C-alpha atoms as a PDB file:
ATOM      1  CA  UNK A   1       1.316   8.353  18.305  1.00  0.00           C
ATOM      2  CA  UNK A   2       0.560  12.067  18.194  1.00  0.00           C
ATOM      3  CA  UNK A   3       1.992  14.651  15.855  1.00  0.00           C
ATOM      4  CA  UNK A   4       3.195  18.170  16.569  1.00  0.00           C
ATOM      5  CA  UNK A   5       0.660  20.679  17.872  1.00  0.00           C
ATOM      6  CA  UNK A   6      -0.083  24.130  16.503  1.00  0.00           C
ATOM      7  CA  UNK A   7      -2.735  26.752  17.185  1.00  0.00           C
ATOM      8  CA  UNK A   8      -5.397  27.820  14.731  1.00  0.00           C
ATOM      9  CA  UNK A   9      -6.449  31.447  14.243  1.00  0.00           C
ATOM     10  CA  UNK A  10      -9.071  31.057  16.969  1.00  0.00           C
ATOM     11  CA  UNK A  11      -6.599  29.526  19.405  1.00  0.00           C
ATOM     12  CA  UNK A  12      -7.970  26.028  18.856  1.00  0.00           C
ATOM     13  CA  UNK A  13      -5.399  23.251  19.361  1.00  0.00           C
ATOM     14  CA  UNK A  14      -4.470  21.438  16.175  1.00  0.00           C
ATOM     15  CA  UNK A  15      -2.420  18.285  15.667  1.00  0.00           C
ATOM     16  CA  UNK A  16      -0.234  17.292  12.725  1.00  0.00           C
ATOM     17  CA  UNK A  17      -0.603  13.747  11.453  1.00  0.00           C
ATOM     18  CA  UNK A  18       2.738  11.874  11.477  1.00  0.00           C
ATOM     19  CA  UNK A  19       1.942   9.202   8.900  1.00  0.00           C
ATOM     20  CA  UNK A  20       2.938  10.747   5.573  1.00  0.00           C
ATOM     21  CA  UNK A  21       4.487  13.894   4.038  1.00  0.00           C
ATOM     22  CA  UNK A  22       1.079  15.542   3.618  1.00  0.00           C
ATOM     23  CA  UNK A  23       1.415  16.493   7.319  1.00  0.00           C
ATOM     24  CA  UNK A  24      -2.277  17.235   7.623  1.00  0.00           C
ATOM     25  CA  UNK A  25      -2.932  19.766  10.401  1.00  0.00           C
ATOM     26  CA  UNK A  26      -6.259  18.873  11.987  1.00  0.00           C
ATOM     27  CA  UNK A  27      -8.543  20.679  14.391  1.00  0.00           C
ATOM     28  CA  UNK A  28     -10.502  18.739  17.013  1.00  0.00           C
ATOM     29  CA  UNK A  29     -12.840  16.247  15.326  1.00  0.00           C
ATOM     30  CA  UNK A  30     -11.462  16.962  11.857  1.00  0.00           C
ATOM     31  CA  UNK A  31     -10.648  14.323   9.254  1.00  0.00           C
ATOM     32  CA  UNK A  32      -8.446  15.188   6.306  1.00  0.00           C
ATOM     33  CA  UNK A  33      -7.004  13.839   3.114  1.00  0.00           C
ATOM     34  CA  UNK A  34      -6.888  10.099   3.820  1.00  0.00           C
ATOM     35  CA  UNK A  35     -10.357  10.097   5.452  1.00  0.00           C
ATOM     36  CA  UNK A  36      -9.103   7.542   7.983  1.00  0.00           C
ATOM     37  CA  UNK A  37      -7.360   9.680  10.621  1.00  0.00           C
ATOM     38  CA  UNK A  38      -8.912  12.227  12.947  1.00  0.00           C
ATOM     39  CA  UNK A  39      -7.988  14.640  15.762  1.00  0.00           C
ATOM     40  CA  UNK A  40      -9.522  13.413  18.995  1.00  0.00           C
ATOM     41  CA  UNK A  41      -8.566  15.274  22.132  1.00  0.00           C
ATOM     42  CA  UNK A  42      -5.542  16.850  20.486  1.00  0.00           C
ATOM     43  CA  UNK A  43      -4.162  13.528  19.288  1.00  0.00           C
ATOM     44  CA  UNK A  44      -4.278  12.095  15.756  1.00  0.00           C
ATOM     45  CA  UNK A  45      -5.849   8.643  15.949  1.00  0.00           C
ATOM     46  CA  UNK A  46      -6.749   5.896  13.509  1.00  0.00           C
ATOM     47  CA  UNK A  47     -10.501   6.225  12.830  1.00  0.00           C
ATOM     48  CA  UNK A  48     -10.644   2.957  10.860  1.00  0.00           C
ATOM     49  CA  UNK A  49      -9.087   0.812  13.595  1.00  0.00           C
ATOM     50  CA  UNK A  50     -10.542  -2.701  13.336  1.00  0.00           C
ATOM     51  CA  UNK A  51     -13.151  -1.654  10.761  1.00  0.00           C
ATOM     52  CA  UNK A  52     -12.827  -4.141   7.916  1.00  0.00           C
ATOM     53  CA  UNK A  53     -14.476  -3.592   4.534  1.00  0.00           C
ATOM     54  CA  UNK A  54     -12.951  -6.643   2.856  1.00  0.00           C
ATOM     55  CA  UNK A  55     -11.870 -10.078   4.045  1.00  0.00           C
ATOM     56  CA  UNK A  56     -10.828 -12.956   1.772  1.00  0.00           C
ATOM     57  CA  UNK A  57      -8.515 -15.957   1.694  1.00  0.00           C
ATOM     58  CA  UNK A  58      -6.484 -15.213  -1.438  1.00  0.00           C
ATOM     59  CA  UNK A  59      -3.650 -16.932  -3.270  1.00  0.00           C
ATOM     60  CA  UNK A  60      -0.402 -15.242  -2.229  1.00  0.00           C
ATOM     61  CA  UNK A  61       0.287 -14.622  -5.927  1.00  0.00           C
ATOM     62  CA  UNK A  62      -2.689 -12.237  -6.032  1.00  0.00           C
ATOM     63  CA  UNK A  63      -1.007  -9.633  -3.764  1.00  0.00           C
ATOM     64  CA  UNK A  64       1.020  -9.914  -6.062  1.00  0.00           C
ATOM     65  CA  UNK A  65       3.919 -11.851  -4.531  1.00  0.00           C
ATOM     66  CA  UNK A  66       5.538 -14.429  -6.781  1.00  0.00           C
ATOM     67  CA  UNK A  67       8.641 -15.282  -4.774  1.00  0.00           C
ATOM     68  CA  UNK A  68       7.281 -15.418  -1.225  1.00  0.00           C
ATOM     69  CA  UNK A  69       5.861 -18.818  -0.269  1.00  0.00           C
ATOM     70  CA  UNK A  70       4.258 -19.463  -3.693  1.00  0.00           C
ATOM     71  CA  UNK A  71       1.320 -21.847  -3.734  1.00  0.00           C
ATOM     72  CA  UNK A  72       0.027 -20.750  -0.346  1.00  0.00           C
ATOM     73  CA  UNK A  73      -2.979 -18.647   0.580  1.00  0.00           C
ATOM     74  CA  UNK A  74      -3.125 -15.611   2.819  1.00  0.00           C
ATOM     75  CA  UNK A  75      -5.990 -14.020   4.747  1.00  0.00           C
ATOM     76  CA  UNK A  76      -6.360 -10.603   3.099  1.00  0.00           C
ATOM     77  CA  UNK A  77      -8.011  -7.697   4.893  1.00  0.00           C
ATOM     78  CA  UNK A  78      -8.823  -4.097   4.035  1.00  0.00           C
ATOM     79  CA  UNK A  79     -10.433  -1.108   5.668  1.00  0.00           C
ATOM     80  CA  UNK A  80     -11.185   2.331   4.171  1.00  0.00           C
ATOM     81  CA  UNK A  81      -9.112   5.371   3.283  1.00  0.00           C
ATOM     82  CA  UNK A  82      -6.000   6.238   1.273  1.00  0.00           C
ATOM     83  CA  UNK A  83      -3.563   9.160   1.229  1.00  0.00           C
ATOM     84  CA  UNK A  84      -3.230   9.242  -2.578  1.00  0.00           C
ATOM     85  CA  UNK A  85      -5.709  10.310  -5.281  1.00  0.00           C
ATOM     86  CA  UNK A  86      -5.086   7.874  -8.126  1.00  0.00           C
ATOM     87  CA  UNK A  87      -7.708   8.392 -10.862  1.00  0.00           C
ATOM     88  CA  UNK A  88      -7.378   4.711 -11.881  1.00  0.00           C
ATOM     89  CA  UNK A  89      -7.938   3.228  -8.396  1.00  0.00           C
ATOM     90  CA  UNK A  90      -9.194  -0.351  -8.615  1.00  0.00           C
ATOM     91  CA  UNK A  91     -10.701  -0.289  -5.108  1.00  0.00           C
ATOM     92  CA  UNK A  92     -11.949   3.290  -5.070  1.00  0.00           C
ATOM     93  CA  UNK A  93     -15.186   2.404  -3.250  1.00  0.00           C
ATOM     94  CA  UNK A  94     -13.204   1.690  -0.085  1.00  0.00           C
ATOM     95  CA  UNK A  95      -9.918   3.501  -0.727  1.00  0.00           C
ATOM     96  CA  UNK A  96     -11.701   6.791  -1.419  1.00  0.00           C
ATOM     97  CA  UNK A  97     -14.459   6.090   1.070  1.00  0.00           C
ATOM     98  CA  UNK A  98     -14.806   7.155   4.660  1.00  0.00           C
ATOM     99  CA  UNK A  99     -16.666   6.066   7.740  1.00  0.00           C
ATOM    100  CA  UNK A 100     -20.391   6.052   7.048  1.00  0.00           C
ATOM    101  CA  UNK A 101     -19.952   5.714   3.274  1.00  0.00           C
ATOM    102  CA  UNK A 102     -18.900   2.076   3.076  1.00  0.00           C
ATOM    103  CA  UNK A 103     -20.173  -0.962   4.995  1.00  0.00           C
ATOM    104  CA  UNK A 104     -17.717  -2.557   7.415  1.00  0.00           C
ATOM    105  CA  UNK A 105     -17.517  -5.187  10.097  1.00  0.00           C
ATOM    106  CA  UNK A 106     -15.415  -4.854  13.221  1.00  0.00           C
ATOM    107  CA  UNK A 107     -12.704  -7.291  14.310  1.00  0.00           C
ATOM    108  CA  UNK A 108     -10.181  -6.702  17.048  1.00  0.00           C
ATOM    109  CA  UNK A 109      -6.539  -7.623  16.418  1.00  0.00           C
ATOM    110  CA  UNK A 110      -7.072 -10.656  18.637  1.00  0.00           C
ATOM    111  CA  UNK A 111     -10.086 -11.789  16.605  1.00  0.00           C
ATOM    112  CA  UNK A 112      -8.330 -11.342  13.274  1.00  0.00           C
ATOM    113  CA  UNK A 113      -5.158 -13.127  14.385  1.00  0.00           C
ATOM    114  CA  UNK A 114      -7.224 -15.990  15.765  1.00  0.00           C
ATOM    115  CA  UNK A 115      -9.145 -16.260  12.482  1.00  0.00           C
ATOM    116  CA  UNK A 116      -5.891 -16.354  10.532  1.00  0.00           C
ATOM    117  CA  UNK A 117      -4.695 -19.197  12.748  1.00  0.00           C
ATOM    118  CA  UNK A 118      -7.907 -21.176  12.190  1.00  0.00           C
ATOM    119  CA  UNK A 119      -7.513 -20.711   8.430  1.00  0.00           C
ATOM    120  CA  UNK A 120      -4.231 -22.638   8.486  1.00  0.00           C
ATOM    121  CA  UNK A 121      -6.326 -25.704   7.663  1.00  0.00           C
ATOM    122  CA  UNK A 122      -7.042 -24.104   4.265  1.00  0.00           C
ATOM    123  CA  UNK A 123      -3.413 -23.319   3.423  1.00  0.00           C
ATOM    124  CA  UNK A 124      -3.249 -19.912   5.086  1.00  0.00           C
ATOM    125  CA  UNK A 125       0.209 -18.623   6.003  1.00  0.00           C
ATOM    126  CA  UNK A 126      -0.800 -15.357   7.719  1.00  0.00           C
ATOM    127  CA  UNK A 127      -2.418 -11.966   7.115  1.00  0.00           C
ATOM    128  CA  UNK A 128      -2.061  -9.494   4.227  1.00  0.00           C
ATOM    129  CA  UNK A 129      -3.022  -5.879   4.884  1.00  0.00           C
ATOM    130  CA  UNK A 130      -4.287  -4.694   1.516  1.00  0.00           C
ATOM    131  CA  UNK A 131      -7.189  -3.438  -0.678  1.00  0.00           C
ATOM    132  CA  UNK A 132      -7.121   0.130   0.672  1.00  0.00           C
ATOM    133  CA  UNK A 133      -3.906   1.818   1.878  1.00  0.00           C
ATOM    134  CA  UNK A 134      -3.088  -0.009   5.128  1.00  0.00           C
ATOM    135  CA  UNK A 135      -0.615   2.570   6.420  1.00  0.00           C
ATOM    136  CA  UNK A 136      -3.342   5.160   7.067  1.00  0.00           C
ATOM    137  CA  UNK A 137      -4.388   2.731   9.807  1.00  0.00           C
ATOM    138  CA  UNK A 138      -0.920   1.467  10.652  1.00  0.00           C
ATOM    139  CA  UNK A 139      -1.743   1.058  14.360  1.00  0.00           C
ATOM    140  CA  UNK A 140      -4.160  -1.771  13.586  1.00  0.00           C
ATOM    141  CA  UNK A 141      -1.593  -3.362  11.259  1.00  0.00           C
ATOM    142  CA  UNK A 142       1.056  -3.160  13.989  1.00  0.00           C
ATOM    143  CA  UNK A 143      -1.137  -4.566  16.753  1.00  0.00           C
ATOM    144  CA  UNK A 144      -2.505  -7.400  14.633  1.00  0.00           C
ATOM    145  CA  UNK A 145       0.858  -8.270  13.085  1.00  0.00           C
ATOM    146  CA  UNK A 146       2.433  -8.740  16.508  1.00  0.00           C
ATOM    147  CA  UNK A 147      -0.240 -11.285  17.394  1.00  0.00           C
ATOM    148  CA  UNK A 148       0.040 -13.025  14.023  1.00  0.00           C
ATOM    149  CA  UNK A 149       3.787 -13.433  14.597  1.00  0.00           C
ATOM    150  CA  UNK A 150       2.950 -14.854  18.000  1.00  0.00           C
ATOM    151  CA  UNK A 151       1.088 -17.666  16.225  1.00  0.00           C
ATOM    152  CA  UNK A 152       4.170 -18.310  14.083  1.00  0.00           C
ATOM    153  CA  UNK A 153       2.537 -16.901  10.954  1.00  0.00           C
ATOM    154  CA  UNK A 154       3.527 -14.300   8.337  1.00  0.00           C
ATOM    155  CA  UNK A 155       2.507 -10.679   7.746  1.00  0.00           C
ATOM    156  CA  UNK A 156       2.333  -9.074   4.300  1.00  0.00           C
ATOM    157  CA  UNK A 157       1.898  -5.352   3.612  1.00  0.00           C
ATOM    158  CA  UNK A 158       0.539  -4.150   0.253  1.00  0.00           C
ATOM    159  CA  UNK A 159       1.177  -0.410   0.168  1.00  0.00           C
ATOM    160  CA  UNK A 160       1.770   2.657  -1.962  1.00  0.00           C
ATOM    161  CA  UNK A 161       4.900   3.384   0.098  1.00  0.00           C
ATOM    162  CA  UNK A 162       4.028   7.060   0.571  1.00  0.00           C
ATOM    163  CA  UNK A 163       4.731   7.238   4.281  1.00  0.00           C
ATOM    164  CA  UNK A 164       7.272   8.669   6.670  1.00  0.00           C
ATOM    165  CA  UNK A 165      10.147   6.344   7.511  1.00  0.00           C
ATOM    166  CA  UNK A 166       9.303   6.513  11.221  1.00  0.00           C
ATOM    167  CA  UNK A 167       6.085   4.604  10.465  1.00  0.00           C
ATOM    168  CA  UNK A 168       7.985   2.029   8.424  1.00  0.00           C
ATOM    169  CA  UNK A 169      10.517   1.551  11.232  1.00  0.00           C
ATOM    170  CA  UNK A 170       7.691   0.831  13.670  1.00  0.00           C
ATOM    171  CA  UNK A 171       6.249  -1.866  11.401  1.00  0.00           C
ATOM    172  CA  UNK A 172       9.357  -3.527   9.996  1.00  0.00           C
ATOM    173  CA  UNK A 173       9.942  -5.860  12.966  1.00  0.00           C
ATOM    174  CA  UNK A 174       6.575  -7.545  12.322  1.00  0.00           C
ATOM    175  CA  UNK A 175       6.298  -7.417   8.508  1.00  0.00           C
ATOM    176  CA  UNK A 176       7.732 -10.341   6.522  1.00  0.00           C
ATOM    177  CA  UNK A 177       7.000  -9.225   2.967  1.00  0.00           C
ATOM    178  CA  UNK A 178       5.729  -6.218   1.057  1.00  0.00           C
ATOM    179  CA  UNK A 179       4.400  -5.456  -2.354  1.00  0.00           C
ATOM    180  CA  UNK A 180       4.990  -1.745  -2.907  1.00  0.00           C
ATOM    181  CA  UNK A 181       3.450   0.226  -5.751  1.00  0.00           C
ATOM    182  CA  UNK A 182       6.064   2.086  -7.754  1.00  0.00           C
ATOM    183  CA  UNK A 183       3.501   3.907  -9.833  1.00  0.00           C
ATOM    184  CA  UNK A 184       5.915   5.458 -12.298  1.00  0.00           C
ATOM    185  CA  UNK A 185       9.342   6.984 -12.327  1.00  0.00           C
ATOM    186  CA  UNK A 186       8.881  10.722 -12.820  1.00  0.00           C
ATOM    187  CA  UNK A 187       8.253  13.430 -10.267  1.00  0.00           C
ATOM    188  CA  UNK A 188       5.572  14.971 -12.496  1.00  0.00           C
ATOM    189  CA  UNK A 189       3.520  11.772 -12.649  1.00  0.00           C
ATOM    190  CA  UNK A 190       3.640  11.289  -8.889  1.00  0.00           C
ATOM    191  CA  UNK A 191       2.472  14.856  -8.345  1.00  0.00           C
ATOM    192  CA  UNK A 192      -0.697  14.117 -10.345  1.00  0.00           C
ATOM    193  CA  UNK A 193      -1.429  11.322  -7.861  1.00  0.00           C
ATOM    194  CA  UNK A 194      -0.878  13.523  -4.820  1.00  0.00           C
ATOM    195  CA  UNK A 195       2.472  12.051  -3.803  1.00  0.00           C
ATOM    196  CA  UNK A 196       6.231  12.389  -4.215  1.00  0.00           C
ATOM    197  CA  UNK A 197       8.470   9.903  -6.000  1.00  0.00           C
ATOM    198  CA  UNK A 198      11.439  10.526  -3.698  1.00  0.00           C
ATOM    199  CA  UNK A 199       9.454   9.543  -0.587  1.00  0.00           C
ATOM    200  CA  UNK A 200       8.427   6.250  -2.198  1.00  0.00           C
ATOM    201  CA  UNK A 201      11.995   5.552  -3.322  1.00  0.00           C
ATOM    202  CA  UNK A 202      13.276   6.063   0.216  1.00  0.00           C
ATOM    203  CA  UNK A 203      10.542   3.788   1.563  1.00  0.00           C
ATOM    204  CA  UNK A 204      11.490   1.023  -0.897  1.00  0.00           C
ATOM    205  CA  UNK A 205      15.198   1.319  -0.166  1.00  0.00           C
ATOM    206  CA  UNK A 206      14.643   1.015   3.588  1.00  0.00           C
ATOM    207  CA  UNK A 207      12.089  -1.790   3.361  1.00  0.00           C
ATOM    208  CA  UNK A 208      14.333  -3.878   1.108  1.00  0.00           C
ATOM    209  CA  UNK A 209      17.009  -3.978   3.803  1.00  0.00           C
ATOM    210  CA  UNK A 210      14.880  -5.950   6.249  1.00  0.00           C
ATOM    211  CA  UNK A 211      12.099  -7.839   4.483  1.00  0.00           C
ATOM    212  CA  UNK A 212      11.131  -9.462   1.212  1.00  0.00           C
ATOM    213  CA  UNK A 213      10.037  -6.736  -1.243  1.00  0.00           C
ATOM    214  CA  UNK A 214       8.323  -6.998  -4.608  1.00  0.00           C
ATOM    215  CA  UNK A 215       7.273  -3.972  -6.665  1.00  0.00           C
ATOM    216  CA  UNK A 216       4.303  -3.324  -8.952  1.00  0.00           C
ATOM    217  CA  UNK A 217       4.041  -0.725 -11.713  1.00  0.00           C
ATOM    218  CA  UNK A 218       0.621  -0.287 -13.309  1.00  0.00           C
ATOM    219  CA  UNK A 219       1.190   0.840 -16.896  1.00  0.00           C
ATOM    220  CA  UNK A 220      -1.357   3.518 -17.835  1.00  0.00           C
ATOM    221  CA  UNK A 221      -1.480   4.467 -21.552  1.00  0.00           C
ATOM    222  CA  UNK A 222      -0.018   7.907 -22.176  1.00  0.00           C
ATOM    223  CA  UNK A 223       1.084   8.339 -18.565  1.00  0.00           C
ATOM    224  CA  UNK A 224       4.027   6.062 -17.697  1.00  0.00           C
ATOM    225  CA  UNK A 225       4.317   3.735 -20.697  1.00  0.00           C
ATOM    226  CA  UNK A 226       7.597   4.673 -22.374  1.00  0.00           C
ATOM    227  CA  UNK A 227      10.504   2.278 -22.628  1.00  0.00           C
ATOM    228  CA  UNK A 228      12.895   5.025 -21.511  1.00  0.00           C
ATOM    229  CA  UNK A 229      11.040   5.533 -18.234  1.00  0.00           C
ATOM    230  CA  UNK A 230      10.891   1.792 -17.575  1.00  0.00           C
ATOM    231  CA  UNK A 231      14.624   1.462 -18.198  1.00  0.00           C
ATOM    232  CA  UNK A 232      15.347   4.242 -15.675  1.00  0.00           C
ATOM    233  CA  UNK A 233      13.060   2.573 -13.168  1.00  0.00           C
ATOM    234  CA  UNK A 234      14.601  -0.864 -13.625  1.00  0.00           C
ATOM    235  CA  UNK A 235      18.128   0.516 -13.371  1.00  0.00           C
ATOM    236  CA  UNK A 236      17.261   2.209 -10.097  1.00  0.00           C
ATOM    237  CA  UNK A 237      15.687  -0.975  -8.692  1.00  0.00           C
ATOM    238  CA  UNK A 238      18.768  -2.942  -9.743  1.00  0.00           C
ATOM    239  CA  UNK A 239      20.945  -0.465  -7.847  1.00  0.00           C
ATOM    240  CA  UNK A 240      19.236  -1.732  -4.671  1.00  0.00           C
ATOM    241  CA  UNK A 241      19.197  -5.362  -5.814  1.00  0.00           C
ATOM    242  CA  UNK A 242      18.700  -6.867  -9.278  1.00  0.00           C
ATOM    243  CA  UNK A 243      16.804  -9.717  -7.587  1.00  0.00           C
ATOM    244  CA  UNK A 244      13.877  -7.533  -6.440  1.00  0.00           C
ATOM    245  CA  UNK A 245      10.867  -8.798  -8.413  1.00  0.00           C
ATOM    246  CA  UNK A 246       8.976  -6.276 -10.551  1.00  0.00           C
ATOM    247  CA  UNK A 247       5.377  -6.797 -11.681  1.00  0.00           C
ATOM    248  CA  UNK A 248       4.614  -4.850 -14.871  1.00  0.00           C
ATOM    249  CA  UNK A 249       0.834  -4.713 -14.835  1.00  0.00           C
ATOM    250  CA  UNK A 250      -1.801  -3.925 -17.423  1.00  0.00           C
ATOM    251  CA  UNK A 251      -4.250  -1.075 -16.779  1.00  0.00           C
ATOM    252  CA  UNK A 252      -7.999  -1.532 -17.253  1.00  0.00           C
ATOM    253  CA  UNK A 253     -10.496   1.378 -17.224  1.00  0.00           C
ATOM    254  CA  UNK A 254     -11.500   2.193 -13.649  1.00  0.00           C
ATOM    255  CA  UNK A 255     -12.839   5.006 -11.465  1.00  0.00           C
ATOM    256  CA  UNK A 256     -12.083   8.374 -13.154  1.00  0.00           C
ATOM    257  CA  UNK A 257     -10.372   6.733 -16.143  1.00  0.00           C
ATOM    258  CA  UNK A 258     -13.290   4.704 -17.477  1.00  0.00           C
ATOM    259  CA  UNK A 259     -12.974   6.296 -20.926  1.00  0.00           C
ATOM    260  CA  UNK A 260      -9.304   5.354 -21.360  1.00  0.00           C
ATOM    261  CA  UNK A 261      -8.411   2.178 -23.249  1.00  0.00           C
ATOM    262  CA  UNK A 262      -6.813  -0.794 -21.527  1.00  0.00           C
ATOM    263  CA  UNK A 263      -3.068  -1.043 -21.967  1.00  0.00           C
ATOM    264  CA  UNK A 264      -2.019  -2.866 -25.116  1.00  0.00           C
ATOM    265  CA  UNK A 265      -0.568  -6.257 -24.194  1.00  0.00           C
ATOM    266  CA  UNK A 266       2.329  -5.709 -26.586  1.00  0.00           C
ATOM    267  CA  UNK A 267       3.285  -2.598 -24.594  1.00  0.00           C
ATOM    268  CA  UNK A 268       3.386  -4.672 -21.394  1.00  0.00           C
ATOM    269  CA  UNK A 269       5.587  -7.258 -23.096  1.00  0.00           C
ATOM    270  CA  UNK A 270       7.929  -4.599 -24.457  1.00  0.00           C
ATOM    271  CA  UNK A 271       8.301  -2.835 -21.108  1.00  0.00           C
ATOM    272  CA  UNK A 272       8.807  -6.153 -19.310  1.00  0.00           C
ATOM    273  CA  UNK A 273      11.569  -7.017 -21.754  1.00  0.00           C
ATOM    274  CA  UNK A 274      13.202  -3.630 -21.123  1.00  0.00           C
ATOM    275  CA  UNK A 275      13.074  -4.166 -17.352  1.00  0.00           C
ATOM    276  CA  UNK A 276      14.505  -7.667 -17.758  1.00  0.00           C
ATOM    277  CA  UNK A 277      17.759  -6.201 -19.049  1.00  0.00           C
ATOM    278  CA  UNK A 278      18.464  -5.104 -15.473  1.00  0.00           C
ATOM    279  CA  UNK A 279      16.293  -7.297 -13.211  1.00  0.00           C
ATOM    280  CA  UNK A 280      16.306 -11.057 -12.687  1.00  0.00           C
ATOM    281  CA  UNK A 281      12.574 -11.410 -11.943  1.00  0.00           C
ATOM    282  CA  UNK A 282      10.071  -9.493 -14.073  1.00  0.00           C
ATOM    283  CA  UNK A 283       6.444 -10.604 -14.278  1.00  0.00           C
ATOM    284  CA  UNK A 284       3.492  -9.406 -16.331  1.00  0.00           C
ATOM    285  CA  UNK A 285       0.132  -8.823 -14.651  1.00  0.00           C
ATOM    286  CA  UNK A 286      -3.492  -8.602 -15.837  1.00  0.00           C
ATOM    287  CA  UNK A 287      -2.523 -10.009 -19.250  1.00  0.00           C
END
């Protein structure tokens, strides 16, 4: 899929990436914000296609998904690149990495789908696209997910939800469940991460119409940890459906926030209790 084309000051053809609202305008051979998409021949393509930096057979609860085939395992795969700039990123080595900076192995969609099928013997129910932001390489997700469905298996997307709805519409027919990060519930906080709250809200609303959705909010001390904000968030989620599960998760020092303290467990409990006034399924994470 190619974006719109413009001309640079030297007349060089540029292409606009269609994946997210950043709308990166790239010259030939140029990578931009997510480090995983590039202009090749006037077309924006997925530079991390089939390049896997992580591969593991995980419990489904680790995604986290608590109400989607609990007790099963899922083959979890990641590549490199992300379109956000979260200073607390848990997988920053690959999410903030780019080709040549992080080791990877290559697997075609056919190879990955076949591996997932062979892992059925170990309790595997399908493939989870996770670890980095999978939507910056959505073409590989789409192509693999179609094959996984062909084997009668499930596809799970773990995403920040900061993507254009056209990308979501292309993937929804082959995605069975999502865990979407709802990183906070203020515009100001999302701006510090390089994203927009409204885009993520629209993504969640659309996804919840057609597949199983669970949400995760990482509680970072001093950033998104007030009861008032959590109540607003939970009320909004309940307006879509009070049965959407919410994972209220404890922060630990990571990446550019190594000097910050871990979230107090009592704060997690208090915010979970506040969310439970509006939602039927609230879980605590990392506690």
